[in-house]
Amino acid sequence: MSDSLASLIARLEGPARAGRFSRLRRGLEKEGLRVDRAGRIAATPHPAALGSKLTHPHITTDYSEALLEYITPVYCRPEDAMAFLGDLHRFTYRVLDDELIWPASMPSRLDGNDSVPIADYGPSNVGTMKRVYRKGLDVRYGRIMQAIAGVHYNVSLPDDLWSVLRELEGAEATPMNDYRSSRYFGLIRNFRRHSWLLLYLFGASPALDRSFLPGGELPEKLERHGEETLVSEHATSLRMSDLGYQNKVQAQLKICFNSLSNYVNTLRHAISTPWPAYQAMGVHEDGEWRQLNANILQIENEYYSDIRPKRVARHDETPSQALEARGVEYIEVRCLDLNPLLTLGVDETQIRFVDAFVMWCLLAESPWIPDEECDRLDDNRRRVVERGRDPALRLCQGDTPRSVADWGGEILDEMTRVAELLDLLEEGTPHRDAVAAMAPRLADPSLTPSGQLLARLRETGEEFSDAMLAIAREQADRLRAEPMDLAREALFEQLVETSHQQQGDIEDGDLEAFDDFLASYFARARETRLGQEATS
């Protein structure tokens, strides 16, 4: 451990014991495909009994009409977030009839591109924009890739902790928004250097159904298992490989995470710069919208990354404008697979571990990433998603080759000290216990979720989709039998009614044509918001 990291942790222990700062705050976004009893993607509409997917704050859809997305409130205690997420599942199963929630990140059996239904958010301008954006994703990348699911983990540090850190580092002269944004970007840089560790420990997609790759040649990294399954011997997360959420056009952006201004300017360039191949696809042809525009990114949400800086945007702002005006508010971790072996796809131990990892990324030294380092970081991630459980694998730490076990063990040693700091705010040692629980996975790759899932397929001879369907049925039976928190049950029932009413109000309030609405949106998106608000 570096002297600077050890010193900073030691100086934070006193304020922690004195109660000068509070716990981290986190919220979960968890996706899951609806499937029929045979394990095929559901062709039915999003159930109206779950509320309006346009306006419901906790139950919506991602790309597809069949891709449920659950959003928890922000909580200081992981167990509270998990309890809310569990009740969202229980409430859903009350209206799903014979349908199930697919437990894996890689999708169920598909029947070609058109079998993935694009989500429909109604005829309002904002609803139409969401649908046209998804149509654009279809013409650019195809729908099948958009059927992949995952867990997004949103975490923020409390304001009182930022105040303590700014004081300890002698940065009181720096406006708080600027200080906080700078330190969040330092966290992000360390995350990008070391996110391979999360991919190794929590990757849970070493296999996929053959229907995910219709008609194409079998990639070299995959081998056949049974009649309908493709597996990769040492893979951890095919979801995060070039088979999943990857795009060659976006790779040319070289998004810079060294400063907020660089990040915002690169995204603004991408949403305003035409791309020839997308221009050739057409935008508004024969009265039909094919995509929102022909730019590198239609909107900022199209940018794929394993982590994003975030700020809650106001109704007239894009995400980048919100960041530019008021700085980074929280970060979104986007590289976590659903773990089919867990009923909710994630558990409290994983949350506690990610908390400690994020805090370690914040407190450890984080120099700027030069251009020549970016390719090495991408290569480390690629190696782990494709070969992470291969004992012969070596990653590049600078110019030094390192094994996953050695380098990962070194990180966990440092994380233990960070976990002990976080546990000063808790009863017991939940963060330290979470870090200790992951250590055996470094020594024995078979203990990782990807290792366990592949072992099950090999031992039973099951097809991937059959194994996941069996797990989905077990989880559905369990969740249907469990009681809900009565207050949350009443809340969810009320939100069904109010969300439908809110969607109706939005549709009734539209006063301009969609073409004019869209032109106005992109005119605002090109505006800068720098310096519009005080930063101290």
Protein backbone atom coordinates (compact mmCIF):
# COMPACT_ATOMS: atom_id res chain seq x y z
CA MET A 1 0.00 0.00 0.00
CA SER A 2 1.31 3.44 -0.88
CA ASP A 3 2.16 5.81 1.94
CA SER A 4 -0.34 8.36 0.64
CA LEU A 5 -3.23 5.87 0.70
CA ALA A 6 -2.33 4.61 4.17
CA SER A 7 -2.02 8.17 5.44
CA LEU A 8 -5.36 9.27 4.00
CA ILE A 9 -7.17 6.27 5.48
CA ALA A 10 -5.58 6.93 8.88
CA ARG A 11 -6.62 10.59 8.79
CA LEU A 12 -10.21 9.63 7.93
CA GLU A 13 -10.54 7.23 10.86
CA GLY A 14 -10.90 10.02 13.44
CA PRO A 15 -13.69 11.84 11.57
CA ALA A 16 -15.43 8.48 10.99
CA ARG A 17 -15.40 7.62 14.69
CA ALA A 18 -16.58 11.13 15.52
CA GLY A 19 -19.53 10.78 13.16
CA ARG A 20 -18.39 13.64 10.95
CA PHE A 21 -19.49 11.85 7.80
CA SER A 22 -22.16 9.32 6.95
CA ARG A 23 -22.53 6.17 4.87
CA LEU A 24 -22.31 5.85 1.12
CA ARG A 25 -25.61 6.08 -0.72
CA ARG A 26 -26.59 3.66 -3.45
CA GLY A 27 -29.44 2.63 -5.71
CA LEU A 28 -29.86 -0.36 -8.01
CA GLU A 29 -31.15 -0.70 -11.56
CA LYS A 30 -31.77 -4.32 -12.45
CA GLU A 31 -32.91 -5.62 -15.83
CA GLY A 32 -34.54 -8.94 -16.65
CA LEU A 33 -36.23 -10.35 -19.74
CA ARG A 34 -39.79 -11.59 -19.53
CA VAL A 35 -40.00 -15.06 -21.06
CA ASP A 36 -42.78 -17.57 -21.63
CA ARG A 37 -42.95 -20.97 -19.94
CA ALA A 38 -40.85 -22.48 -22.73
CA GLY A 39 -38.05 -20.00 -22.15
CA ARG A 40 -38.61 -17.86 -25.26
CA ILE A 41 -38.63 -14.08 -25.12
CA ALA A 42 -42.13 -12.80 -24.38
CA ALA A 43 -44.06 -11.28 -27.28
CA THR A 44 -46.71 -9.79 -24.97
CA PRO A 45 -46.90 -6.07 -24.10
CA HIS A 46 -45.51 -4.78 -20.82
CA PRO A 47 -48.29 -5.61 -18.32
CA ALA A 48 -50.58 -2.61 -17.76
CA ALA A 49 -51.07 -3.91 -14.20
CA LEU A 50 -47.46 -2.88 -13.50
CA GLY A 51 -48.17 0.74 -14.40
CA SER A 52 -46.95 3.00 -17.18
CA LYS A 53 -43.39 2.25 -18.21
CA LEU A 54 -43.07 5.88 -19.33
CA THR A 55 -43.74 7.42 -15.92
CA HIS A 56 -43.45 4.72 -13.23
CA PRO A 57 -40.43 5.59 -11.05
CA HIS A 58 -39.54 1.98 -10.17
CA ILE A 59 -40.86 -0.41 -12.87
CA THR A 60 -40.14 0.33 -16.53
CA THR A 61 -38.49 -1.28 -19.54
CA ASP A 62 -35.08 -0.86 -21.11
CA TYR A 63 -34.71 -1.40 -24.86
CA SER A 64 -37.34 -4.05 -25.39
CA GLU A 65 -40.98 -4.30 -24.44
CA ALA A 66 -39.94 -7.59 -22.82
CA LEU A 67 -36.92 -6.24 -20.93
CA LEU A 68 -38.12 -5.27 -17.46
CA GLU A 69 -36.09 -2.70 -15.56
CA TYR A 70 -36.40 -2.19 -11.82
CA ILE A 71 -35.14 1.00 -10.17
CA THR A 72 -34.79 1.24 -6.40
CA PRO A 73 -34.71 4.47 -4.40
CA VAL A 74 -31.38 5.64 -2.99
CA TYR A 75 -30.51 4.01 0.34
CA CYS A 76 -27.72 4.25 2.91
CA ARG A 77 -28.12 0.59 3.86
CA PRO A 78 -27.64 -2.13 1.20
CA GLU A 79 -30.20 -4.36 2.88
CA ASP A 80 -32.86 -1.71 2.32
CA ALA A 81 -32.08 -1.54 -1.40
CA MET A 82 -32.22 -5.33 -1.62
CA ALA A 83 -35.54 -5.48 0.24
CA PHE A 84 -37.09 -2.94 -2.16
CA LEU A 85 -35.73 -4.82 -5.18
CA GLY A 86 -37.13 -8.08 -3.83
CA ASP A 87 -40.61 -6.60 -3.45
CA LEU A 88 -40.49 -5.25 -7.00
CA HIS A 89 -39.99 -8.85 -8.16
CA ARG A 90 -42.75 -10.16 -5.88
CA PHE A 91 -45.19 -7.50 -7.07
CA THR A 92 -44.37 -8.29 -10.69
CA TYR A 93 -44.99 -12.00 -10.25
CA ARG A 94 -48.51 -11.26 -9.04
CA VAL A 95 -49.44 -10.12 -12.57
CA LEU A 96 -47.17 -12.19 -14.83
CA ASP A 97 -49.42 -15.27 -14.97
CA ASP A 98 -47.33 -17.95 -16.71
CA GLU A 99 -44.41 -15.69 -17.67
CA LEU A 100 -41.05 -15.71 -15.91
CA ILE A 101 -38.17 -13.32 -15.34
CA TRP A 102 -35.03 -14.62 -17.05
CA PRO A 103 -32.20 -14.90 -14.49
CA ALA A 104 -29.19 -14.51 -16.81
CA SER A 105 -27.56 -11.58 -18.58
CA MET A 106 -27.37 -13.34 -21.94
CA PRO A 107 -30.89 -13.67 -23.36
CA SER A 108 -33.25 -16.58 -23.66
CA ARG A 109 -34.09 -18.37 -26.89
CA LEU A 110 -34.67 -15.86 -29.68
CA ASP A 111 -36.13 -16.25 -33.15
CA GLY A 112 -34.19 -13.67 -35.10
CA ASN A 113 -33.91 -9.92 -34.81
CA ASP A 114 -37.63 -9.19 -35.00
CA SER A 115 -38.42 -11.49 -32.08
CA VAL A 116 -37.09 -8.76 -29.75
CA PRO A 117 -39.99 -6.27 -29.56
CA ILE A 118 -39.04 -2.60 -29.31
CA ALA A 119 -40.57 -0.88 -26.28
CA ASP A 120 -43.57 1.35 -26.97
CA TYR A 121 -44.02 4.34 -24.64
CA GLY A 122 -47.16 5.80 -26.17
CA PRO A 123 -47.88 8.64 -28.63
CA SER A 124 -46.53 11.58 -26.61
CA ASN A 125 -43.51 13.42 -27.98
CA VAL A 126 -41.26 12.12 -25.22
CA GLY A 127 -42.64 8.60 -25.66
CA THR A 128 -42.16 8.77 -29.43
CA MET A 129 -38.59 10.00 -28.96
CA LYS A 130 -37.80 7.02 -26.73
CA ARG A 131 -39.18 4.62 -29.34
CA VAL A 132 -37.43 6.26 -32.30
CA TYR A 133 -34.15 6.17 -30.35
CA ARG A 134 -34.63 2.41 -29.96
CA LYS A 135 -35.44 2.05 -33.65
CA GLY A 136 -32.13 3.78 -34.30
CA LEU A 137 -30.34 1.26 -32.12
CA ASP A 138 -31.97 -1.47 -34.19
CA VAL A 139 -30.75 -0.14 -37.56
CA ARG A 140 -27.28 0.53 -36.15
CA TYR A 141 -26.62 -2.57 -34.05
CA GLY A 142 -29.61 -4.87 -34.31
CA ARG A 143 -32.10 -5.74 -31.61
CA ILE A 144 -30.49 -8.95 -30.38
CA MET A 145 -27.66 -7.13 -28.64
CA GLN A 146 -30.26 -4.99 -26.89
CA ALA A 147 -31.80 -8.06 -25.23
CA ILE A 148 -28.79 -8.40 -22.92
CA ALA A 149 -29.50 -7.60 -19.26
CA GLY A 150 -27.39 -6.50 -16.31
CA VAL A 151 -27.24 -4.67 -13.00
CA HIS A 152 -26.36 -0.97 -12.84
CA TYR A 153 -25.08 0.20 -9.49
CA ASN A 154 -25.42 3.90 -8.67
CA VAL A 155 -23.33 5.14 -5.74
CA SER A 156 -22.62 8.58 -4.28
CA LEU A 157 -20.50 9.84 -1.43
CA PRO A 158 -22.30 11.95 1.17
CA ASP A 159 -21.74 15.71 1.20
CA ASP A 160 -20.22 15.60 4.67
CA LEU A 161 -17.54 13.17 3.50
CA TRP A 162 -16.62 15.50 0.63
CA SER A 163 -16.25 18.31 3.16
CA VAL A 164 -13.93 16.22 5.32
CA LEU A 165 -11.82 15.14 2.34
CA ARG A 166 -11.52 18.69 1.02
CA GLU A 167 -10.39 19.84 4.45
CA LEU A 168 -7.87 17.00 4.91
CA GLU A 169 -6.38 17.68 1.49
CA GLY A 170 -6.14 21.43 2.05
CA ALA A 171 -8.41 22.17 -0.89
CA GLU A 172 -10.86 24.52 0.84
CA ALA A 173 -10.14 27.23 -1.75
CA THR A 174 -11.51 24.98 -4.50
CA PRO A 175 -15.27 25.37 -5.05
CA MET A 176 -17.03 22.27 -3.75
CA ASN A 177 -18.64 21.29 -7.07
CA ASP A 178 -15.28 21.52 -8.83
CA TYR A 179 -13.51 19.59 -6.08
CA ARG A 180 -16.15 16.87 -5.99
CA SER A 181 -16.18 16.47 -9.78
CA SER A 182 -12.39 16.29 -9.94
CA ARG A 183 -12.26 13.62 -7.25
CA TYR A 184 -15.07 11.63 -8.87
CA PHE A 185 -13.09 11.61 -12.11
CA GLY A 186 -10.08 10.36 -10.17
CA LEU A 187 -12.29 7.54 -8.89
CA ILE A 188 -13.43 6.78 -12.45
CA ARG A 189 -9.85 6.62 -13.74
CA ASN A 190 -8.90 4.09 -11.07
CA PHE A 191 -12.08 2.17 -11.81
CA ARG A 192 -11.16 1.94 -15.47
CA ARG A 193 -7.68 0.73 -14.55
CA HIS A 194 -9.00 -2.01 -12.29
CA SER A 195 -12.56 -2.87 -13.37
CA TRP A 196 -11.18 -6.18 -14.67
CA LEU A 197 -11.30 -7.32 -11.02
CA LEU A 198 -15.09 -6.91 -10.89
CA LEU A 199 -15.42 -8.70 -14.22
CA TYR A 200 -13.42 -11.61 -12.86
CA LEU A 201 -15.13 -11.85 -9.46
CA PHE A 202 -18.72 -11.25 -10.61
CA GLY A 203 -18.81 -12.12 -14.32
CA ALA A 204 -21.59 -14.66 -14.82
CA SER A 205 -22.00 -15.09 -18.58
CA PRO A 206 -19.61 -17.78 -19.91
CA ALA A 207 -22.31 -19.31 -22.14
CA LEU A 208 -25.12 -18.27 -24.48
CA ASP A 209 -27.91 -19.71 -26.53
CA ARG A 210 -27.03 -20.39 -30.17
CA SER A 211 -29.92 -18.15 -31.26
CA PHE A 212 -27.96 -15.12 -30.03
CA LEU A 213 -25.68 -15.50 -33.11
CA PRO A 214 -28.10 -16.31 -35.93
CA GLY A 215 -26.60 -17.30 -39.24
CA GLY A 216 -23.03 -16.19 -38.59
CA GLU A 217 -19.83 -18.15 -38.29
CA LEU A 218 -18.88 -19.48 -34.87
CA PRO A 219 -16.37 -17.09 -33.23
CA GLU A 220 -13.06 -18.72 -32.36
CA LYS A 221 -13.53 -17.98 -28.66
CA LEU A 222 -16.67 -20.16 -28.52
CA GLU A 223 -17.19 -23.90 -28.66
CA ARG A 224 -20.34 -25.96 -28.93
CA HIS A 225 -22.01 -27.49 -25.90
CA GLY A 226 -24.94 -29.69 -26.80
CA GLU A 227 -27.13 -28.70 -29.73
CA GLU A 228 -28.09 -25.14 -28.84
CA THR A 229 -25.39 -23.77 -26.53
CA LEU A 230 -22.09 -21.99 -27.09
CA VAL A 231 -19.55 -21.69 -24.27
CA SER A 232 -16.13 -20.16 -23.73
CA GLU A 233 -13.81 -22.27 -21.59
CA HIS A 234 -12.26 -19.50 -19.47
CA ALA A 235 -14.63 -16.58 -20.12
CA THR A 236 -16.09 -14.58 -17.26
CA SER A 237 -18.48 -12.15 -18.97
CA LEU A 238 -19.40 -12.64 -22.62
CA ARG A 239 -21.89 -9.83 -22.00
CA MET A 240 -18.95 -7.43 -21.69
CA SER A 241 -17.00 -8.94 -24.61
CA ASP A 242 -17.16 -7.93 -28.25
CA LEU A 243 -20.20 -10.21 -28.52
CA GLY A 244 -22.11 -7.94 -26.15
CA TYR A 245 -22.34 -4.19 -25.64
CA GLN A 246 -19.52 -3.11 -27.91
CA ASN A 247 -19.44 -0.82 -30.94
CA LYS A 248 -16.55 -0.10 -33.30
CA VAL A 249 -17.77 3.41 -34.15
CA GLN A 250 -17.95 4.38 -30.48
CA ALA A 251 -14.50 2.89 -29.87
CA GLN A 252 -13.10 5.67 -32.05
CA LEU A 253 -14.45 8.32 -29.68
CA LYS A 254 -11.69 7.72 -27.11
CA ILE A 255 -13.80 9.22 -24.35
CA CYS A 256 -11.45 10.99 -21.94
CA PHE A 257 -12.07 10.63 -18.20
CA ASN A 258 -9.28 12.97 -17.14
CA SER A 259 -11.57 15.94 -16.57
CA LEU A 260 -15.23 16.87 -16.66
CA SER A 261 -14.73 19.35 -19.50
CA ASN A 262 -12.95 16.78 -21.70
CA TYR A 263 -15.65 14.20 -21.04
CA VAL A 264 -18.53 16.57 -21.78
CA ASN A 265 -16.91 18.02 -24.88
CA THR A 266 -16.23 14.57 -26.34
CA LEU A 267 -19.84 13.51 -25.84
CA ARG A 268 -21.14 16.78 -27.26
CA HIS A 269 -18.97 16.24 -30.33
CA ALA A 270 -20.38 12.72 -30.73
CA ILE A 271 -24.04 13.80 -30.62
CA SER A 272 -23.47 16.56 -33.19
CA THR A 273 -21.11 14.87 -35.70
CA PRO A 274 -22.64 12.88 -38.59
CA TRP A 275 -21.35 9.40 -39.38
CA PRO A 276 -21.43 8.36 -43.07
CA ALA A 277 -22.72 4.83 -42.48
CA TYR A 278 -25.56 6.13 -40.34
CA GLN A 279 -26.37 8.82 -42.91
CA ALA A 280 -26.73 6.08 -45.50
CA MET A 281 -29.36 4.38 -43.33
CA GLY A 282 -31.61 7.42 -43.50
CA VAL A 283 -33.24 9.34 -40.69
CA HIS A 284 -36.77 10.36 -41.71
CA GLU A 285 -37.75 8.44 -44.83
CA ASP A 286 -41.21 8.23 -46.43
CA GLY A 287 -42.82 9.72 -43.34
CA GLU A 288 -41.20 7.23 -40.96
CA TRP A 289 -38.50 7.91 -38.41
CA ARG A 290 -35.68 5.35 -38.59
CA GLN A 291 -33.39 7.01 -36.06
CA LEU A 292 -33.24 10.31 -34.20
CA ASN A 293 -30.32 11.54 -36.32
CA ALA A 294 -27.32 10.21 -38.23
CA ASN A 295 -24.68 11.32 -35.72
CA ILE A 296 -22.07 9.15 -34.01
CA LEU A 297 -24.43 9.03 -31.03
CA GLN A 298 -28.14 9.77 -31.38
CA ILE A 299 -28.18 10.90 -27.75
CA GLU A 300 -25.69 10.54 -24.91
CA ASN A 301 -27.36 7.41 -23.52
CA GLU A 302 -26.12 5.52 -26.56
CA TYR A 303 -22.55 5.69 -25.28
CA TYR A 304 -21.53 2.35 -23.75
CA SER A 305 -19.07 2.36 -20.86
CA ASP A 306 -18.39 0.27 -17.77
CA ILE A 307 -18.78 3.41 -15.62
CA ARG A 308 -20.37 6.83 -16.08
CA PRO A 309 -20.34 10.10 -14.13
CA LYS A 310 -23.93 11.18 -13.50
CA ARG A 311 -26.04 14.07 -12.31
CA VAL A 312 -29.83 14.10 -12.12
CA ALA A 313 -30.89 16.24 -15.07
CA ARG A 314 -33.70 18.75 -15.06
CA HIS A 315 -36.49 18.58 -17.63
CA ASP A 316 -34.71 20.94 -20.06
CA GLU A 317 -31.22 19.44 -19.76
CA THR A 318 -29.21 16.67 -21.34
CA PRO A 319 -27.06 14.53 -19.01
CA SER A 320 -23.90 16.41 -20.04
CA GLN A 321 -25.52 19.80 -19.50
CA ALA A 322 -26.48 18.76 -15.97
CA LEU A 323 -22.88 17.69 -15.31
CA GLU A 324 -21.53 20.88 -16.82
CA ALA A 325 -23.84 23.12 -14.78
CA ARG A 326 -23.63 21.47 -11.36
CA GLY A 327 -20.87 18.86 -11.46
CA VAL A 328 -20.83 15.12 -10.81
CA GLU A 329 -23.41 13.90 -8.31
CA TYR A 330 -22.84 10.13 -8.41
CA ILE A 331 -21.31 7.38 -10.52
CA GLU A 332 -23.02 4.52 -12.32
CA VAL A 333 -21.21 1.16 -12.38
CA ARG A 334 -22.40 -0.69 -15.50
CA CYS A 335 -20.21 -3.81 -15.79
CA LEU A 336 -22.07 -6.16 -13.42
CA ASP A 337 -23.69 -9.29 -14.85
CA LEU A 338 -26.84 -10.78 -13.43
CA ASN A 339 -25.85 -13.75 -11.28
CA PRO A 340 -28.41 -16.51 -12.02
CA LEU A 341 -27.37 -18.29 -8.81
CA LEU A 342 -28.84 -15.41 -6.77
CA THR A 343 -32.61 -14.91 -6.66
CA LEU A 344 -32.37 -11.17 -7.38
CA GLY A 345 -29.24 -11.38 -9.56
CA VAL A 346 -27.17 -9.56 -6.93
CA ASP A 347 -26.81 -9.75 -3.14
CA GLU A 348 -25.73 -7.64 -0.19
CA THR A 349 -22.22 -9.13 -0.07
CA GLN A 350 -21.58 -8.02 -3.64
CA ILE A 351 -22.92 -4.55 -2.87
CA ARG A 352 -20.63 -4.22 0.15
CA PHE A 353 -17.67 -5.37 -1.92
CA VAL A 354 -18.40 -2.86 -4.69
CA ASP A 355 -18.74 -0.15 -2.04
CA ALA A 356 -15.25 -0.95 -0.75
CA PHE A 357 -13.88 -1.14 -4.30
CA VAL A 358 -15.37 2.23 -5.27
CA MET A 359 -14.06 3.82 -2.07
CA TRP A 360 -10.61 2.35 -2.72
CA CYS A 361 -10.72 3.80 -6.25
CA LEU A 362 -11.48 7.20 -4.71
CA LEU A 363 -8.81 7.21 -2.01
CA ALA A 364 -5.93 5.64 -3.99
CA GLU A 365 -3.70 7.83 -6.12
CA SER A 366 -5.14 8.28 -9.61
CA PRO A 367 -2.92 10.04 -12.15
CA TRP A 368 -4.37 11.11 -15.48
CA ILE A 369 -4.62 8.40 -18.13
CA PRO A 370 -2.42 9.22 -21.16
CA ASP A 371 -3.65 8.17 -24.58
CA GLU A 372 -1.16 5.33 -24.80
CA GLU A 373 -2.50 3.78 -21.59
CA CYS A 374 -6.10 3.58 -22.82
CA ASP A 375 -5.42 0.68 -25.18
CA ARG A 376 -3.67 -1.26 -22.41
CA LEU A 377 -6.62 -0.80 -20.06
CA ASP A 378 -9.03 -1.95 -22.76
CA ASP A 379 -6.81 -4.95 -23.44
CA ASN A 380 -6.76 -5.96 -19.77
CA ARG A 381 -10.56 -5.88 -19.66
CA ARG A 382 -10.82 -7.84 -22.90
CA ARG A 383 -8.45 -10.51 -21.63
CA VAL A 384 -10.41 -10.99 -18.42
CA VAL A 385 -13.84 -11.19 -20.05
CA GLU A 386 -12.54 -13.73 -22.59
CA ARG A 387 -9.96 -15.67 -20.54
CA GLY A 388 -10.24 -14.49 -16.94
CA ARG A 389 -10.25 -17.99 -15.40
CA ASP A 390 -7.22 -19.16 -17.40
CA PRO A 391 -4.36 -19.67 -14.89
CA ALA A 392 -1.88 -18.74 -17.62
CA LEU A 393 -3.46 -15.33 -18.22
CA ARG A 394 -1.29 -12.30 -17.55
CA LEU A 395 -2.42 -8.69 -17.39
CA CYS A 396 -0.28 -5.61 -17.94
CA GLN A 397 0.37 -3.41 -14.93
CA GLY A 398 2.42 -0.77 -16.65
CA ASP A 399 5.18 -2.79 -18.28
CA THR A 400 4.90 -5.63 -15.75
CA PRO A 401 2.92 -8.82 -16.48
CA ARG A 402 0.73 -9.80 -13.52
CA SER A 403 -1.54 -12.75 -12.86
CA VAL A 404 -5.14 -12.08 -11.86
CA ALA A 405 -4.55 -13.81 -8.52
CA ASP A 406 -1.42 -11.82 -7.59
CA TRP A 407 -2.60 -8.41 -8.70
CA GLY A 408 -6.12 -9.03 -7.42
CA GLY A 409 -4.79 -10.18 -4.05
CA GLU A 410 -2.76 -7.01 -3.76
CA ILE A 411 -5.85 -4.91 -4.44
CA LEU A 412 -7.92 -6.87 -1.91
CA ASP A 413 -5.25 -6.30 0.73
CA GLU A 414 -5.56 -2.55 0.24
CA MET A 415 -9.34 -2.78 0.04
CA THR A 416 -9.39 -4.47 3.44
CA ARG A 417 -8.07 -1.27 5.03
CA VAL A 418 -10.71 0.75 3.18
CA ALA A 419 -13.39 -1.73 4.26
CA GLU A 420 -12.32 -1.32 7.88
CA LEU A 421 -12.75 2.43 7.49
CA LEU A 422 -16.28 1.99 6.09
CA ASP A 423 -17.12 -0.43 8.90
CA LEU A 424 -16.49 2.29 11.48
CA LEU A 425 -19.91 3.57 10.38
CA GLU A 426 -21.57 0.15 10.70
CA GLU A 427 -22.51 -2.47 13.23
CA GLY A 428 -20.07 -5.35 12.85
CA THR A 429 -17.69 -5.70 9.91
CA PRO A 430 -19.88 -6.16 6.80
CA HIS A 431 -17.45 -4.54 4.34
CA ARG A 432 -14.41 -6.40 5.63
CA ASP A 433 -16.41 -9.64 5.55
CA ALA A 434 -17.46 -8.97 1.95
CA VAL A 435 -13.84 -8.42 0.86
CA ALA A 436 -12.74 -11.57 2.68
CA ALA A 437 -15.56 -13.56 1.03
CA MET A 438 -14.19 -12.75 -2.44
CA ALA A 439 -10.57 -13.72 -1.72
CA PRO A 440 -11.08 -17.49 -2.32
CA ARG A 441 -12.30 -16.74 -5.86
CA LEU A 442 -8.85 -15.40 -6.73
CA ALA A 443 -7.19 -18.60 -5.61
CA ASP A 444 -9.79 -20.89 -7.18
CA PRO A 445 -11.48 -19.66 -10.40
CA SER A 446 -14.07 -22.43 -10.15
CA LEU A 447 -15.65 -20.49 -7.26
CA THR A 448 -16.53 -17.52 -9.47
CA PRO A 449 -20.11 -17.30 -10.80
CA SER A 450 -18.87 -17.94 -14.34
CA GLY A 451 -16.93 -20.99 -13.13
CA GLN A 452 -19.91 -22.36 -11.23
CA LEU A 453 -22.31 -21.88 -14.14
CA LEU A 454 -20.00 -23.51 -16.66
CA ALA A 455 -19.39 -26.41 -14.25
CA ARG A 456 -23.15 -26.96 -13.97
CA LEU A 457 -23.54 -27.14 -17.74
CA ARG A 458 -20.62 -29.53 -18.05
CA GLU A 459 -21.75 -31.78 -15.19
CA THR A 460 -25.41 -32.01 -16.20
CA GLY A 461 -25.09 -31.73 -19.96
CA GLU A 462 -27.91 -29.17 -19.92
CA GLU A 463 -28.37 -26.62 -22.63
CA PHE A 464 -27.82 -23.05 -21.42
CA SER A 465 -31.45 -22.04 -21.96
CA ASP A 466 -32.80 -25.17 -20.26
CA ALA A 467 -30.61 -24.58 -17.20
CA MET A 468 -31.64 -20.92 -16.96
CA LEU A 469 -35.30 -21.82 -17.44
CA ALA A 470 -35.13 -24.30 -14.57
CA ILE A 471 -33.56 -21.61 -12.36
CA ALA A 472 -36.19 -19.07 -13.45
CA ARG A 473 -38.99 -21.44 -12.42
CA GLU A 474 -37.39 -22.07 -9.02
CA GLN A 475 -36.95 -18.35 -8.40
CA ALA A 476 -40.52 -17.59 -9.52
CA ASP A 477 -41.97 -20.18 -7.14
CA ARG A 478 -39.91 -18.76 -4.28
CA LEU A 479 -40.82 -15.13 -4.97
CA ARG A 480 -44.51 -15.87 -5.49
CA ALA A 481 -44.62 -17.59 -2.10
CA GLU A 482 -42.89 -14.80 -0.17
CA PRO A 483 -44.91 -11.98 1.45
CA MET A 484 -44.38 -8.33 0.56
CA ASP A 485 -43.81 -5.43 2.89
CA LEU A 486 -47.35 -4.07 3.35
CA ALA A 487 -46.36 -0.42 2.98
CA ARG A 488 -44.46 -1.10 -0.25
CA GLU A 489 -47.34 -3.18 -1.56
CA ALA A 490 -49.70 -0.25 -1.06
CA LEU A 491 -47.17 2.11 -2.67
CA PHE A 492 -46.79 -0.07 -5.76
CA GLU A 493 -50.56 -0.40 -6.16
CA GLN A 494 -50.93 3.37 -5.98
CA LEU A 495 -48.10 3.94 -8.47
CA VAL A 496 -49.86 1.77 -11.03
CA GLU A 497 -52.80 4.18 -11.06
CA THR A 498 -50.84 7.42 -10.80
CA SER A 499 -48.30 6.45 -13.46
CA HIS A 500 -51.05 5.77 -16.00
CA GLN A 501 -52.64 9.10 -15.10
CA GLN A 502 -49.30 10.89 -15.50
CA GLN A 503 -48.77 9.37 -18.94
CA GLY A 504 -52.23 10.56 -19.97
CA ASP A 505 -51.48 14.05 -18.70
CA ILE A 506 -48.25 14.15 -20.73
CA GLU A 507 -50.04 13.06 -23.88
CA ASP A 508 -52.85 15.57 -23.37
CA GLY A 509 -50.33 18.36 -22.78
CA ASP A 510 -48.38 17.95 -26.04
CA LEU A 511 -48.88 21.09 -28.11
CA GLU A 512 -46.22 20.78 -30.83
CA ALA A 513 -45.51 18.35 -33.65
CA PHE A 514 -42.87 15.68 -33.01
CA ASP A 515 -40.56 17.12 -35.69
CA ASP A 516 -40.59 20.50 -33.93
CA PHE A 517 -40.18 18.86 -30.51
CA LEU A 518 -37.11 16.96 -31.71
CA ALA A 519 -35.55 19.99 -33.40
CA SER A 520 -36.00 21.98 -30.20
CA TYR A 521 -34.46 19.20 -28.11
CA PHE A 522 -31.29 18.99 -30.19
CA ALA A 523 -30.99 22.77 -30.38
CA ARG A 524 -30.94 22.83 -26.57
CA ALA A 525 -28.56 19.85 -26.46
CA ARG A 526 -25.94 21.82 -28.37
CA GLU A 527 -25.95 24.60 -25.78
CA THR A 528 -23.33 24.75 -23.06
CA ARG A 529 -24.34 25.18 -19.42
CA LEU A 530 -20.90 26.02 -18.03
CA GLY A 531 -20.96 28.75 -15.41
CA GLN A 532 -24.74 29.00 -15.29
CA GLU A 533 -24.78 28.24 -11.56
CA ALA A 534 -22.55 28.97 -8.61
CA THR A 535 -19.99 26.26 -7.92
CA SER A 536 -19.26 26.79 -4.25
